[in-house]
PDB file of N, CA and C in Angstrom:
ATOM      1  N   MET A   1      31.102  26.598  17.528  1.00  0.00           N
ATOM      2  CA  MET A   1      31.274  25.695  16.355  1.00  0.00           C
ATOM      3  C   MET A   1      30.358  24.537  16.439  1.00  0.00           C
ATOM      4  N   ASN A   2      30.082  23.941  15.370  1.00  0.00           N
ATOM      5  CA  ASN A   2      29.148  22.787  15.292  1.00  0.00           C
ATOM      6  C   ASN A   2      29.857  21.507  15.668  1.00  0.00           C
ATOM      7  N   ASN A   3      29.534  20.957  16.841  1.00  0.00           N
ATOM      8  CA  ASN A   3      30.179  19.735  17.306  1.00  0.00           C
ATOM      9  C   ASN A   3      29.540  18.500  16.753  1.00  0.00           C
ATOM     10  N   ASN A   4      28.429  18.648  16.019  1.00  0.00           N
ATOM     11  CA  ASN A   4      27.682  17.527  15.546  1.00  0.00           C
ATOM     12  C   ASN A   4      28.099  17.135  14.123  1.00  0.00           C
ATOM     13  N   ARG A   5      29.047  17.800  13.562  1.00  0.00           N
ATOM     14  CA  ARG A   5      29.496  17.530  12.230  1.00  0.00           C
ATOM     15  C   ARG A   5      30.225  16.182  12.206  1.00  0.00           C
ATOM     16  N   LEU A   6      30.008  15.405  11.168  1.00  0.00           N
ATOM     17  CA  LEU A   6      30.560  14.043  11.148  1.00  0.00           C
ATOM     18  C   LEU A   6      32.114  14.019  11.151  1.00  0.00           C
ATOM     19  N   SER A   7      32.705  14.937  10.362  1.00  0.00           N
ATOM     20  CA  SER A   7      34.149  14.898  10.211  1.00  0.00           C
ATOM     21  C   SER A   7      34.924  15.458  11.377  1.00  0.00           C
ATOM     22  N   THR A   8      34.280  16.286  12.210  1.00  0.00           N
ATOM     23  CA  THR A   8      35.056  16.918  13.259  1.00  0.00           C
ATOM     24  C   THR A   8      34.597  16.600  14.683  1.00  0.00           C
ATOM     25  N   SER A   9      33.664  15.689  14.765  1.00  0.00           N
ATOM     26  CA  SER A   9      33.184  15.337  16.084  1.00  0.00           C
ATOM     27  C   SER A   9      34.192  14.593  16.837  1.00  0.00           C
ATOM     28  N   GLY A  10      34.584  15.081  17.995  1.00  0.00           N
ATOM     29  CA  GLY A  10      35.632  14.485  18.836  1.00  0.00           C
ATOM     30  C   GLY A  10      35.060  13.424  19.762  1.00  0.00           C
ATOM     31  N   ASP A  11      33.815  13.095  19.680  1.00  0.00           N
ATOM     32  CA  ASP A  11      33.157  12.164  20.604  1.00  0.00           C
ATOM     33  C   ASP A  11      33.246  10.749  20.217  1.00  0.00           C
ATOM     34  N   LEU A  12      33.892  10.484  19.077  1.00  0.00           N
ATOM     35  CA  LEU A  12      33.964   9.092  18.643  1.00  0.00           C
ATOM     36  C   LEU A  12      35.026   8.313  19.485  1.00  0.00           C
ATOM     37  N   LEU A  13      34.631   7.164  19.990  1.00  0.00           N
ATOM     38  CA  LEU A  13      35.494   6.426  20.848  1.00  0.00           C
ATOM     39  C   LEU A  13      35.962   5.196  20.056  1.00  0.00           C
ATOM     40  N   GLY A  14      37.085   4.634  20.474  1.00  0.00           N
ATOM     41  CA  GLY A  14      37.584   3.423  19.872  1.00  0.00           C
ATOM     42  C   GLY A  14      36.670   2.244  19.998  1.00  0.00           C
ATOM     43  N   GLU A  15      35.821   2.293  21.082  1.00  0.00           N
ATOM     44  CA  GLU A  15      34.860   1.206  21.348  1.00  0.00           C
ATOM     45  C   GLU A  15      33.808   1.139  20.260  1.00  0.00           C
ATOM     46  N   ASP A  16      33.373   2.269  19.725  1.00  0.00           N
ATOM     47  CA  ASP A  16      32.394   2.254  18.645  1.00  0.00           C
ATOM     48  C   ASP A  16      33.000   1.624  17.390  1.00  0.00           C
ATOM     49  N   ARG A  17      34.207   1.942  17.158  1.00  0.00           N
ATOM     50  CA  ARG A  17      34.890   1.394  15.974  1.00  0.00           C
ATOM     51  C   ARG A  17      35.032  -0.156  16.110  1.00  0.00           C
ATOM     52  N   GLU A  18      35.453  -0.567  17.238  1.00  0.00           N
ATOM     53  CA  GLU A  18      35.590  -2.018  17.503  1.00  0.00           C
ATOM     54  C   GLU A  18      34.214  -2.758  17.421  1.00  0.00           C
ATOM     55  N   LEU A  19      33.176  -2.140  17.920  1.00  0.00           N
ATOM     56  CA  LEU A  19      31.869  -2.720  17.826  1.00  0.00           C
ATOM     57  C   LEU A  19      31.428  -2.791  16.361  1.00  0.00           C
ATOM     58  N   LEU A  20      31.650  -1.803  15.614  1.00  0.00           N
ATOM     59  CA  LEU A  20      31.366  -1.820  14.244  1.00  0.00           C
ATOM     60  C   LEU A  20      32.088  -2.884  13.498  1.00  0.00           C
ATOM     61  N   ILE A  21      33.411  -3.072  13.768  1.00  0.00           N
ATOM     62  CA  ILE A  21      34.212  -4.097  13.084  1.00  0.00           C
ATOM     63  C   ILE A  21      33.652  -5.467  13.493  1.00  0.00           C
ATOM     64  N   THR A  22      33.356  -5.696  14.704  1.00  0.00           N
ATOM     65  CA  THR A  22      32.819  -6.974  15.207  1.00  0.00           C
ATOM     66  C   THR A  22      31.512  -7.298  14.510  1.00  0.00           C
ATOM     67  N   GLN A  23      30.641  -6.292  14.432  1.00  0.00           N
ATOM     68  CA  GLN A  23      29.307  -6.552  13.805  1.00  0.00           C
ATOM     69  C   GLN A  23      29.565  -6.883  12.315  1.00  0.00           C
ATOM     70  N   ALA A  24      30.456  -6.200  11.640  1.00  0.00           N
ATOM     71  CA  ALA A  24      30.723  -6.408  10.254  1.00  0.00           C
ATOM     72  C   ALA A  24      31.237  -7.843  10.033  1.00  0.00           C
ATOM     73  N   LYS A  25      32.080  -8.328  10.890  1.00  0.00           N
ATOM     74  CA  LYS A  25      32.636  -9.665  10.728  1.00  0.00           C
ATOM     75  C   LYS A  25      31.538 -10.672  10.929  1.00  0.00           C
ATOM     76  N   ILE A  26      30.622 -10.472  11.906  1.00  0.00           N
ATOM     77  CA  ILE A  26      29.547 -11.392  12.127  1.00  0.00           C
ATOM     78  C   ILE A  26      28.661 -11.458  10.859  1.00  0.00           C
ATOM     79  N   ILE A  27      28.332 -10.327  10.276  1.00  0.00           N
ATOM     80  CA  ILE A  27      27.509 -10.328   9.065  1.00  0.00           C
ATOM     81  C   ILE A  27      28.166 -10.970   7.910  1.00  0.00           C
ATOM     82  N   LEU A  28      29.460 -10.749   7.747  1.00  0.00           N
ATOM     83  CA  LEU A  28      30.205 -11.316   6.615  1.00  0.00           C
ATOM     84  C   LEU A  28      30.375 -12.786   6.708  1.00  0.00           C
ATOM     85  N   GLN A  29      30.412 -13.279   7.977  1.00  0.00           N
ATOM     86  CA  GLN A  29      30.591 -14.750   8.177  1.00  0.00           C
ATOM     87  C   GLN A  29      29.354 -15.562   8.080  1.00  0.00           C
ATOM     88  N   ALA A  30      28.224 -14.884   8.116  1.00  0.00           N
ATOM     89  CA  ALA A  30      26.846 -15.532   8.030  1.00  0.00           C
ATOM     90  C   ALA A  30      26.727 -16.161   6.639  1.00  0.00           C
ATOM     91  N   PRO A  31      25.861 -17.128   6.496  1.00  0.00           N
ATOM     92  CA  PRO A  31      25.628 -17.753   5.138  1.00  0.00           C
ATOM     93  C   PRO A  31      24.967 -16.732   4.240  1.00  0.00           C
ATOM     94  N   SER A  32      25.085 -16.945   2.948  1.00  0.00           N
ATOM     95  CA  SER A  32      24.542 -16.018   1.997  1.00  0.00           C
ATOM     96  C   SER A  32      23.039 -16.060   2.006  1.00  0.00           C
ATOM     97  N   ASN A  33      22.445 -14.877   1.652  1.00  0.00           N
ATOM     98  CA  ASN A  33      20.964 -14.748   1.582  1.00  0.00           C
ATOM     99  C   ASN A  33      20.481 -15.167   0.208  1.00  0.00           C
ATOM    100  N   TYR A  34      21.403 -15.405  -0.699  1.00  0.00           N
ATOM    101  CA  TYR A  34      21.049 -15.802  -2.068  1.00  0.00           C
ATOM    102  C   TYR A  34      21.411 -17.201  -2.358  1.00  0.00           C
ATOM    103  N   LYS A  35      20.591 -17.830  -3.142  1.00  0.00           N
ATOM    104  CA  LYS A  35      20.841 -19.230  -3.544  1.00  0.00           C
ATOM    105  C   LYS A  35      20.645 -19.349  -5.067  1.00  0.00           C
ATOM    106  N   LYS A  36      21.680 -19.873  -5.753  1.00  0.00           N
ATOM    107  CA  LYS A  36      21.559 -20.006  -7.284  1.00  0.00           C
ATOM    108  C   LYS A  36      21.035 -21.381  -7.581  1.00  0.00           C
ATOM    109  N   GLU A  37      19.971 -21.360  -8.428  1.00  0.00           N
ATOM    110  CA  GLU A  37      19.388 -22.650  -8.903  1.00  0.00           C
ATOM    111  C   GLU A  37      19.023 -22.478 -10.377  1.00  0.00           C
ATOM    112  N   LYS A  38      19.559 -23.376 -11.204  1.00  0.00           N
ATOM    113  CA  LYS A  38      19.238 -23.354 -12.630  1.00  0.00           C
ATOM    114  C   LYS A  38      19.319 -21.994 -13.283  1.00  0.00           C
ATOM    115  N   GLY A  39      20.407 -21.278 -12.952  1.00  0.00           N
ATOM    116  CA  GLY A  39      20.627 -19.966 -13.545  1.00  0.00           C
ATOM    117  C   GLY A  39      19.846 -18.866 -13.005  1.00  0.00           C
ATOM    118  N   LYS A  40      19.009 -19.150 -12.016  1.00  0.00           N
ATOM    119  CA  LYS A  40      18.172 -18.094 -11.383  1.00  0.00           C
ATOM    120  C   LYS A  40      18.716 -17.855  -9.897  1.00  0.00           C
ATOM    121  N   THR A  41      18.305 -16.690  -9.394  1.00  0.00           N
ATOM    122  CA  THR A  41      18.770 -16.366  -8.059  1.00  0.00           C
ATOM    123  C   THR A  41      17.558 -16.332  -7.122  1.00  0.00           C
ATOM    124  N   PHE A  42      17.637 -17.064  -6.015  1.00  0.00           N
ATOM    125  CA  PHE A  42      16.484 -17.129  -5.035  1.00  0.00           C
ATOM    126  C   PHE A  42      16.885 -16.348  -3.830  1.00  0.00           C
ATOM    127  N   ILE A  43      16.064 -15.440  -3.355  1.00  0.00           N
ATOM    128  CA  ILE A  43      16.399 -14.624  -2.104  1.00  0.00           C
ATOM    129  C   ILE A  43      15.683 -15.393  -0.950  1.00  0.00           C
ATOM    130  N   ILE A  44      16.529 -15.932  -0.066  1.00  0.00           N
ATOM    131  CA  ILE A  44      16.030 -16.807   0.937  1.00  0.00           C
ATOM    132  C   ILE A  44      15.159 -16.054   1.989  1.00  0.00           C
ATOM    133  N   SER A  45      15.596 -14.875   2.385  1.00  0.00           N
ATOM    134  CA  SER A  45      14.884 -14.160   3.446  1.00  0.00           C
ATOM    135  C   SER A  45      13.514 -13.717   2.961  1.00  0.00           C
ATOM    136  N   GLU A  46      13.346 -13.378   1.699  1.00  0.00           N
ATOM    137  CA  GLU A  46      12.076 -12.945   1.155  1.00  0.00           C
ATOM    138  C   GLU A  46      11.261 -14.069   0.526  1.00  0.00           C
ATOM    139  N   ASN A  47      11.847 -15.245   0.429  1.00  0.00           N
ATOM    140  CA  ASN A  47      11.239 -16.421  -0.144  1.00  0.00           C
ATOM    141  C   ASN A  47      10.649 -16.136  -1.537  1.00  0.00           C
ATOM    142  N   LYS A  48      11.499 -15.532  -2.410  1.00  0.00           N
ATOM    143  CA  LYS A  48      11.028 -15.299  -3.806  1.00  0.00           C
ATOM    144  C   LYS A  48      12.254 -15.223  -4.705  1.00  0.00           C
ATOM    145  N   TRP A  49      11.976 -15.317  -6.017  1.00  0.00           N
ATOM    146  CA  TRP A  49      13.034 -15.291  -7.000  1.00  0.00           C
ATOM    147  C   TRP A  49      13.418 -13.852  -7.287  1.00  0.00           C
ATOM    148  N   LEU A  50      14.663 -13.587  -7.554  1.00  0.00           N
ATOM    149  CA  LEU A  50      15.131 -12.298  -7.953  1.00  0.00           C
ATOM    150  C   LEU A  50      14.816 -12.150  -9.408  1.00  0.00           C
ATOM    151  N   THR A  51      14.150 -11.014  -9.776  1.00  0.00           N
ATOM    152  CA  THR A  51      13.821 -10.824 -11.202  1.00  0.00           C
ATOM    153  C   THR A  51      14.540  -9.544 -11.678  1.00  0.00           C
ATOM    154  N   VAL A  52      15.402  -9.719 -12.639  1.00  0.00           N
ATOM    155  CA  VAL A  52      16.045  -8.630 -13.303  1.00  0.00           C
ATOM    156  C   VAL A  52      15.788  -8.811 -14.774  1.00  0.00           C
ATOM    157  N   ARG A  53      15.147  -7.844 -15.359  1.00  0.00           N
ATOM    158  CA  ARG A  53      14.664  -7.984 -16.742  1.00  0.00           C
ATOM    159  C   ARG A  53      15.325  -6.890 -17.632  1.00  0.00           C
ATOM    160  N   LYS A  54      16.617  -6.607 -17.474  1.00  0.00           N
ATOM    161  CA  LYS A  54      17.256  -5.656 -18.359  1.00  0.00           C
ATOM    162  C   LYS A  54      17.675  -6.270 -19.659  1.00  0.00           C
ATOM    163  N   GLY A  55      17.445  -5.551 -20.663  1.00  0.00           N
ATOM    164  CA  GLY A  55      17.914  -6.013 -22.023  1.00  0.00           C
ATOM    165  C   GLY A  55      17.128  -7.128 -22.607  1.00  0.00           C
ATOM    166  N   VAL A  56      15.867  -7.337 -22.183  1.00  0.00           N
ATOM    167  CA  VAL A  56      14.997  -8.385 -22.697  1.00  0.00           C
ATOM    168  C   VAL A  56      13.951  -7.728 -23.590  1.00  0.00           C
ATOM    169  N   PHE A  57      13.796  -8.246 -24.808  1.00  0.00           N
ATOM    170  CA  PHE A  57      12.799  -7.746 -25.740  1.00  0.00           C
ATOM    171  C   PHE A  57      11.950  -8.931 -26.114  1.00  0.00           C
ATOM    172  N   TYR A  58      10.740  -8.632 -26.559  1.00  0.00           N
ATOM    173  CA  TYR A  58       9.753  -9.625 -26.943  1.00  0.00           C
ATOM    174  C   TYR A  58       9.373  -9.416 -28.397  1.00  0.00           C
ATOM    175  N   GLU A  59       9.508 -10.540 -29.184  1.00  0.00           N
ATOM    176  CA  GLU A  59       9.289 -10.487 -30.580  1.00  0.00           C
ATOM    177  C   GLU A  59       7.860 -11.118 -30.833  1.00  0.00           C
ATOM    178  N   ILE A  60       7.042 -10.397 -31.555  1.00  0.00           N
ATOM    179  CA  ILE A  60       5.731 -10.947 -31.929  1.00  0.00           C
ATOM    180  C   ILE A  60       5.814 -11.280 -33.404  1.00  0.00           C
ATOM    181  N   ALA A  61       5.578 -12.537 -33.794  1.00  0.00           N
ATOM    182  CA  ALA A  61       5.688 -12.982 -35.105  1.00  0.00           C
ATOM    183  C   ALA A  61       4.389 -13.792 -35.506  1.00  0.00           C
ATOM    184  N   ASP A  62       4.085 -13.827 -36.768  1.00  0.00           N
ATOM    185  CA  ASP A  62       2.919 -14.670 -37.179  1.00  0.00           C
ATOM    186  C   ASP A  62       3.361 -16.064 -37.317  1.00  0.00           C
ATOM    187  N   LEU A  63       2.499 -16.964 -37.698  1.00  0.00           N
ATOM    188  CA  LEU A  63       2.802 -18.395 -37.746  1.00  0.00           C
ATOM    189  C   LEU A  63       3.781 -18.736 -38.905  1.00  0.00           C
ATOM    190  N   LYS A  64       3.908 -17.892 -39.883  1.00  0.00           N
ATOM    191  CA  LYS A  64       4.860 -18.100 -40.976  1.00  0.00           C
ATOM    192  C   LYS A  64       6.280 -17.673 -40.633  1.00  0.00           C
ATOM    193  N   GLY A  65       6.431 -16.987 -39.421  1.00  0.00           N
ATOM    194  CA  GLY A  65       7.771 -16.547 -39.008  1.00  0.00           C
ATOM    195  C   GLY A  65       8.035 -15.077 -39.295  1.00  0.00           C
ATOM    196  N   ASN A  66       7.069 -14.406 -39.950  1.00  0.00           N
ATOM    197  CA  ASN A  66       7.260 -12.969 -40.215  1.00  0.00           C
ATOM    198  C   ASN A  66       7.116 -12.172 -38.965  1.00  0.00           C
ATOM    199  N   VAL A  67       8.107 -11.338 -38.648  1.00  0.00           N
ATOM    200  CA  VAL A  67       8.085 -10.508 -37.462  1.00  0.00           C
ATOM    201  C   VAL A  67       7.049  -9.367 -37.590  1.00  0.00           C
ATOM    202  N   VAL A  68       6.096  -9.329 -36.700  1.00  0.00           N
ATOM    203  CA  VAL A  68       5.104  -8.251 -36.731  1.00  0.00           C
ATOM    204  C   VAL A  68       5.637  -7.025 -36.061  1.00  0.00           C
ATOM    205  N   THR A  69       6.151  -7.205 -34.800  1.00  0.00           N
ATOM    206  CA  THR A  69       6.739  -6.073 -34.082  1.00  0.00           C
ATOM    207  C   THR A  69       7.637  -6.657 -32.988  1.00  0.00           C
ATOM    208  N   THR A  70       8.382  -5.734 -32.375  1.00  0.00           N
ATOM    209  CA  THR A  70       9.222  -6.084 -31.217  1.00  0.00           C
ATOM    210  C   THR A  70       8.889  -5.156 -30.081  1.00  0.00           C
ATOM    211  N   CYS A  71       8.679  -5.633 -28.914  1.00  0.00           N
ATOM    212  CA  CYS A  71       8.289  -4.803 -27.759  1.00  0.00           C
ATOM    213  C   CYS A  71       9.387  -4.924 -26.688  1.00  0.00           C
ATOM    214  N   ASN A  72       9.521  -3.882 -25.892  1.00  0.00           N
ATOM    215  CA  ASN A  72      10.573  -3.875 -24.886  1.00  0.00           C
ATOM    216  C   ASN A  72      10.079  -4.279 -23.479  1.00  0.00           C
ATOM    217  N   SER A  73       8.822  -4.618 -23.348  1.00  0.00           N
ATOM    218  CA  SER A  73       8.261  -5.028 -22.053  1.00  0.00           C
ATOM    219  C   SER A  73       7.071  -5.903 -22.234  1.00  0.00           C
ATOM    220  N   ILE A  74       6.690  -6.575 -21.170  1.00  0.00           N
ATOM    221  CA  ILE A  74       5.516  -7.399 -21.189  1.00  0.00           C
ATOM    222  C   ILE A  74       4.245  -6.524 -21.325  1.00  0.00           C
ATOM    223  N   THR A  75       4.317  -5.373 -20.668  1.00  0.00           N
ATOM    224  CA  THR A  75       3.187  -4.422 -20.725  1.00  0.00           C
ATOM    225  C   THR A  75       2.965  -3.935 -22.171  1.00  0.00           C
ATOM    226  N   ALA A  76       4.038  -3.739 -22.864  1.00  0.00           N
ATOM    227  CA  ALA A  76       3.937  -3.291 -24.303  1.00  0.00           C
ATOM    228  C   ALA A  76       3.320  -4.398 -25.133  1.00  0.00           C
ATOM    229  N   VAL A  77       3.685  -5.632 -24.889  1.00  0.00           N
ATOM    230  CA  VAL A  77       3.089  -6.787 -25.598  1.00  0.00           C
ATOM    231  C   VAL A  77       1.585  -6.892 -25.263  1.00  0.00           C
ATOM    232  N   MET A  78       1.208  -6.713 -24.015  1.00  0.00           N
ATOM    233  CA  MET A  78      -0.186  -6.755 -23.609  1.00  0.00           C
ATOM    234  C   MET A  78      -0.953  -5.642 -24.346  1.00  0.00           C
ATOM    235  N   ASP A  79      -0.447  -4.475 -24.399  1.00  0.00           N
ATOM    236  CA  ASP A  79      -1.118  -3.383 -25.069  1.00  0.00           C
ATOM    237  C   ASP A  79      -1.294  -3.615 -26.580  1.00  0.00           C
ATOM    238  N   PHE A  80      -0.212  -4.117 -27.164  1.00  0.00           N
ATOM    239  CA  PHE A  80      -0.204  -4.384 -28.631  1.00  0.00           C
ATOM    240  C   PHE A  80      -1.217  -5.472 -28.983  1.00  0.00           C
ATOM    241  N   LEU A  81      -1.211  -6.535 -28.264  1.00  0.00           N
ATOM    242  CA  LEU A  81      -2.085  -7.650 -28.607  1.00  0.00           C
ATOM    243  C   LEU A  81      -3.504  -7.553 -28.045  1.00  0.00           C
ATOM    244  N   GLY A  82      -3.674  -6.718 -27.004  1.00  0.00           N
ATOM    245  CA  GLY A  82      -4.940  -6.612 -26.375  1.00  0.00           C
ATOM    246  C   GLY A  82      -5.338  -7.780 -25.533  1.00  0.00           C
ATOM    247  N   VAL A  83      -4.314  -8.382 -24.864  1.00  0.00           N
ATOM    248  CA  VAL A  83      -4.588  -9.546 -24.008  1.00  0.00           C
ATOM    249  C   VAL A  83      -4.067  -9.273 -22.600  1.00  0.00           C
ATOM    250  N   SER A  84      -4.384 -10.173 -21.651  1.00  0.00           N
ATOM    251  CA  SER A  84      -3.977  -9.959 -20.286  1.00  0.00           C
ATOM    252  C   SER A  84      -2.530 -10.352 -20.045  1.00  0.00           C
ATOM    253  N   ARG A  85      -1.978  -9.906 -18.905  1.00  0.00           N
ATOM    254  CA  ARG A  85      -0.646 -10.251 -18.531  1.00  0.00           C
ATOM    255  C   ARG A  85      -0.508 -11.811 -18.382  1.00  0.00           C
ATOM    256  N   TYR A  86      -1.542 -12.429 -17.786  1.00  0.00           N
ATOM    257  CA  TYR A  86      -1.524 -13.850 -17.567  1.00  0.00           C
ATOM    258  C   TYR A  86      -1.313 -14.584 -18.896  1.00  0.00           C
ATOM    259  N   ILE A  87      -2.062 -14.183 -19.955  1.00  0.00           N
ATOM    260  CA  ILE A  87      -2.023 -14.836 -21.225  1.00  0.00           C
ATOM    261  C   ILE A  87      -0.612 -14.651 -21.844  1.00  0.00           C
ATOM    262  N   VAL A  88      -0.022 -13.482 -21.744  1.00  0.00           N
ATOM    263  CA  VAL A  88       1.350 -13.208 -22.225  1.00  0.00           C
ATOM    264  C   VAL A  88       2.301 -14.105 -21.588  1.00  0.00           C
ATOM    265  N   LEU A  89       2.288 -14.158 -20.217  1.00  0.00           N
ATOM    266  CA  LEU A  89       3.267 -14.935 -19.518  1.00  0.00           C
ATOM    267  C   LEU A  89       3.097 -16.443 -19.801  1.00  0.00           C
ATOM    268  N   LYS A  90       1.794 -16.888 -19.868  1.00  0.00           N
ATOM    269  CA  LYS A  90       1.567 -18.301 -20.161  1.00  0.00           C
ATOM    270  C   LYS A  90       2.070 -18.661 -21.530  1.00  0.00           C
ATOM    271  N   ARG A  91       1.869 -17.836 -22.514  1.00  0.00           N
ATOM    272  CA  ARG A  91       2.243 -18.166 -23.870  1.00  0.00           C
ATOM    273  C   ARG A  91       3.798 -18.012 -24.013  1.00  0.00           C
ATOM    274  N   LEU A  92       4.442 -17.253 -23.283  1.00  0.00           N
ATOM    275  CA  LEU A  92       5.918 -17.201 -23.245  1.00  0.00           C
ATOM    276  C   LEU A  92       6.470 -18.545 -22.686  1.00  0.00           C
ATOM    277  N   GLU A  93       5.750 -19.048 -21.706  1.00  0.00           N
ATOM    278  CA  GLU A  93       6.154 -20.295 -21.031  1.00  0.00           C
ATOM    279  C   GLU A  93       5.927 -21.485 -21.946  1.00  0.00           C
ATOM    280  N   ASP A  94       4.694 -21.582 -22.545  1.00  0.00           N
ATOM    281  CA  ASP A  94       4.400 -22.812 -23.275  1.00  0.00           C
ATOM    282  C   ASP A  94       4.648 -22.739 -24.792  1.00  0.00           C
ATOM    283  N   GLY A  95       4.871 -21.511 -25.302  1.00  0.00           N
ATOM    284  CA  GLY A  95       5.117 -21.332 -26.766  1.00  0.00           C
ATOM    285  C   GLY A  95       3.959 -21.470 -27.654  1.00  0.00           C
ATOM    286  N   GLU A  96       2.758 -21.609 -27.183  1.00  0.00           N
ATOM    287  CA  GLU A  96       1.540 -21.715 -27.984  1.00  0.00           C
ATOM    288  C   GLU A  96       1.242 -20.371 -28.599  1.00  0.00           C
ATOM    289  N   PRO A  97       0.604 -20.351 -29.776  1.00  0.00           N
ATOM    290  CA  PRO A  97       0.188 -19.068 -30.385  1.00  0.00           C
ATOM    291  C   PRO A  97      -0.970 -18.414 -29.620  1.00  0.00           C
ATOM    292  N   VAL A  98      -1.040 -17.106 -29.775  1.00  0.00           N
ATOM    293  CA  VAL A  98      -2.113 -16.302 -29.145  1.00  0.00           C
ATOM    294  C   VAL A  98      -2.877 -15.561 -30.217  1.00  0.00           C
ATOM    295  N   LEU A  99      -4.157 -15.408 -30.017  1.00  0.00           N
ATOM    296  CA  LEU A  99      -4.942 -14.765 -31.039  1.00  0.00           C
ATOM    297  C   LEU A  99      -4.814 -13.235 -30.860  1.00  0.00           C
ATOM    298  N   TRP A 100      -4.342 -12.584 -31.946  1.00  0.00           N
ATOM    299  CA  TRP A 100      -4.261 -11.128 -32.017  1.00  0.00           C
ATOM    300  C   TRP A 100      -5.585 -10.589 -32.471  1.00  0.00           C
ATOM    301  N   VAL A 101      -6.336 -10.071 -31.518  1.00  0.00           N
ATOM    302  CA  VAL A 101      -7.768  -9.746 -31.697  1.00  0.00           C
ATOM    303  C   VAL A 101      -7.946  -8.697 -32.818  1.00  0.00           C
ATOM    304  N   LYS A 102      -7.066  -7.674 -32.796  1.00  0.00           N
ATOM    305  CA  LYS A 102      -7.192  -6.536 -33.766  1.00  0.00           C
ATOM    306  C   LYS A 102      -7.082  -7.032 -35.220  1.00  0.00           C
ATOM    307  N   GLU A 103      -6.255  -7.980 -35.467  1.00  0.00           N
ATOM    308  CA  GLU A 103      -6.014  -8.455 -36.841  1.00  0.00           C
ATOM    309  C   GLU A 103      -6.729  -9.805 -37.047  1.00  0.00           C
ATOM    310  N   ASP A 104      -7.231 -10.414 -36.029  1.00  0.00           N
ATOM    311  CA  ASP A 104      -7.935 -11.723 -36.112  1.00  0.00           C
ATOM    312  C   ASP A 104      -7.040 -12.776 -36.722  1.00  0.00           C
ATOM    313  N   ARG A 105      -5.776 -12.866 -36.180  1.00  0.00           N
ATOM    314  CA  ARG A 105      -4.887 -13.969 -36.637  1.00  0.00           C
ATOM    315  C   ARG A 105      -4.037 -14.423 -35.493  1.00  0.00           C
ATOM    316  N   LEU A 106      -3.459 -15.575 -35.625  1.00  0.00           N
ATOM    317  CA  LEU A 106      -2.613 -16.155 -34.542  1.00  0.00           C
ATOM    318  C   LEU A 106      -1.185 -15.646 -34.690  1.00  0.00           C
ATOM    319  N   VAL A 107      -0.624 -15.295 -33.545  1.00  0.00           N
ATOM    320  CA  VAL A 107       0.851 -14.852 -33.496  1.00  0.00           C
ATOM    321  C   VAL A 107       1.535 -15.572 -32.349  1.00  0.00           C
ATOM    322  N   THR A 108       2.795 -15.641 -32.366  1.00  0.00           N
ATOM    323  CA  THR A 108       3.620 -16.189 -31.328  1.00  0.00           C
ATOM    324  C   THR A 108       4.406 -15.088 -30.699  1.00  0.00           C
ATOM    325  N   ILE A 109       4.714 -15.288 -29.389  1.00  0.00           N
ATOM    326  CA  ILE A 109       5.531 -14.366 -28.631  1.00  0.00           C
ATOM    327  C   ILE A 109       6.806 -15.094 -28.230  1.00  0.00           C
ATOM    328  N   GLN A 110       7.969 -14.430 -28.539  1.00  0.00           N
ATOM    329  CA  GLN A 110       9.238 -15.066 -28.175  1.00  0.00           C
ATOM    330  C   GLN A 110      10.093 -14.021 -27.447  1.00  0.00           C
ATOM    331  N   GLU A 111      10.855 -14.505 -26.458  1.00  0.00           N
ATOM    332  CA  GLU A 111      11.764 -13.602 -25.716  1.00  0.00           C
ATOM    333  C   GLU A 111      13.087 -13.551 -26.417  1.00  0.00           C
ATOM    334  N   LEU A 112      13.571 -12.287 -26.638  1.00  0.00           N
ATOM    335  CA  LEU A 112      14.888 -12.049 -27.229  1.00  0.00           C
ATOM    336  C   LEU A 112      15.772 -11.325 -26.191  1.00  0.00           C
ATOM    337  N   GLU A 113      17.055 -11.784 -26.110  1.00  0.00           N
ATOM    338  CA  GLU A 113      17.959 -11.099 -25.175  1.00  0.00           C
ATOM    339  C   GLU A 113      18.943 -10.313 -26.044  1.00  0.00           C
ATOM    340  N   SER A 114      19.186  -9.074 -25.657  1.00  0.00           N
ATOM    341  CA  SER A 114      20.124  -8.233 -26.464  1.00  0.00           C
ATOM    342  C   SER A 114      21.515  -8.293 -25.773  1.00  0.00           C
TER     343      SER A 114
END
């Protein structure tokens, strides 16, 4: 018979269980690895912000407010406008219009949450 099966192995000792419980208590009593600041989550051990971008859409509109299109990712906005990722992120941050090269007109990029 296979003695290495997890459910039937008779080699488990109470010491292993106690060690596991002790280690779990130590981990659970330690301070959190996450820190919340201004609605964002910071991962302390990795020294970076947690980025979760589910349900975020980007609306591209002309200066009159007419919606040109809606994209579901920054990459889609980059491809549509023909600009770099840096420009898209910068314009999302400062709200300035960006030149849509294909149509030779200014458009704005806004973040929409669904």
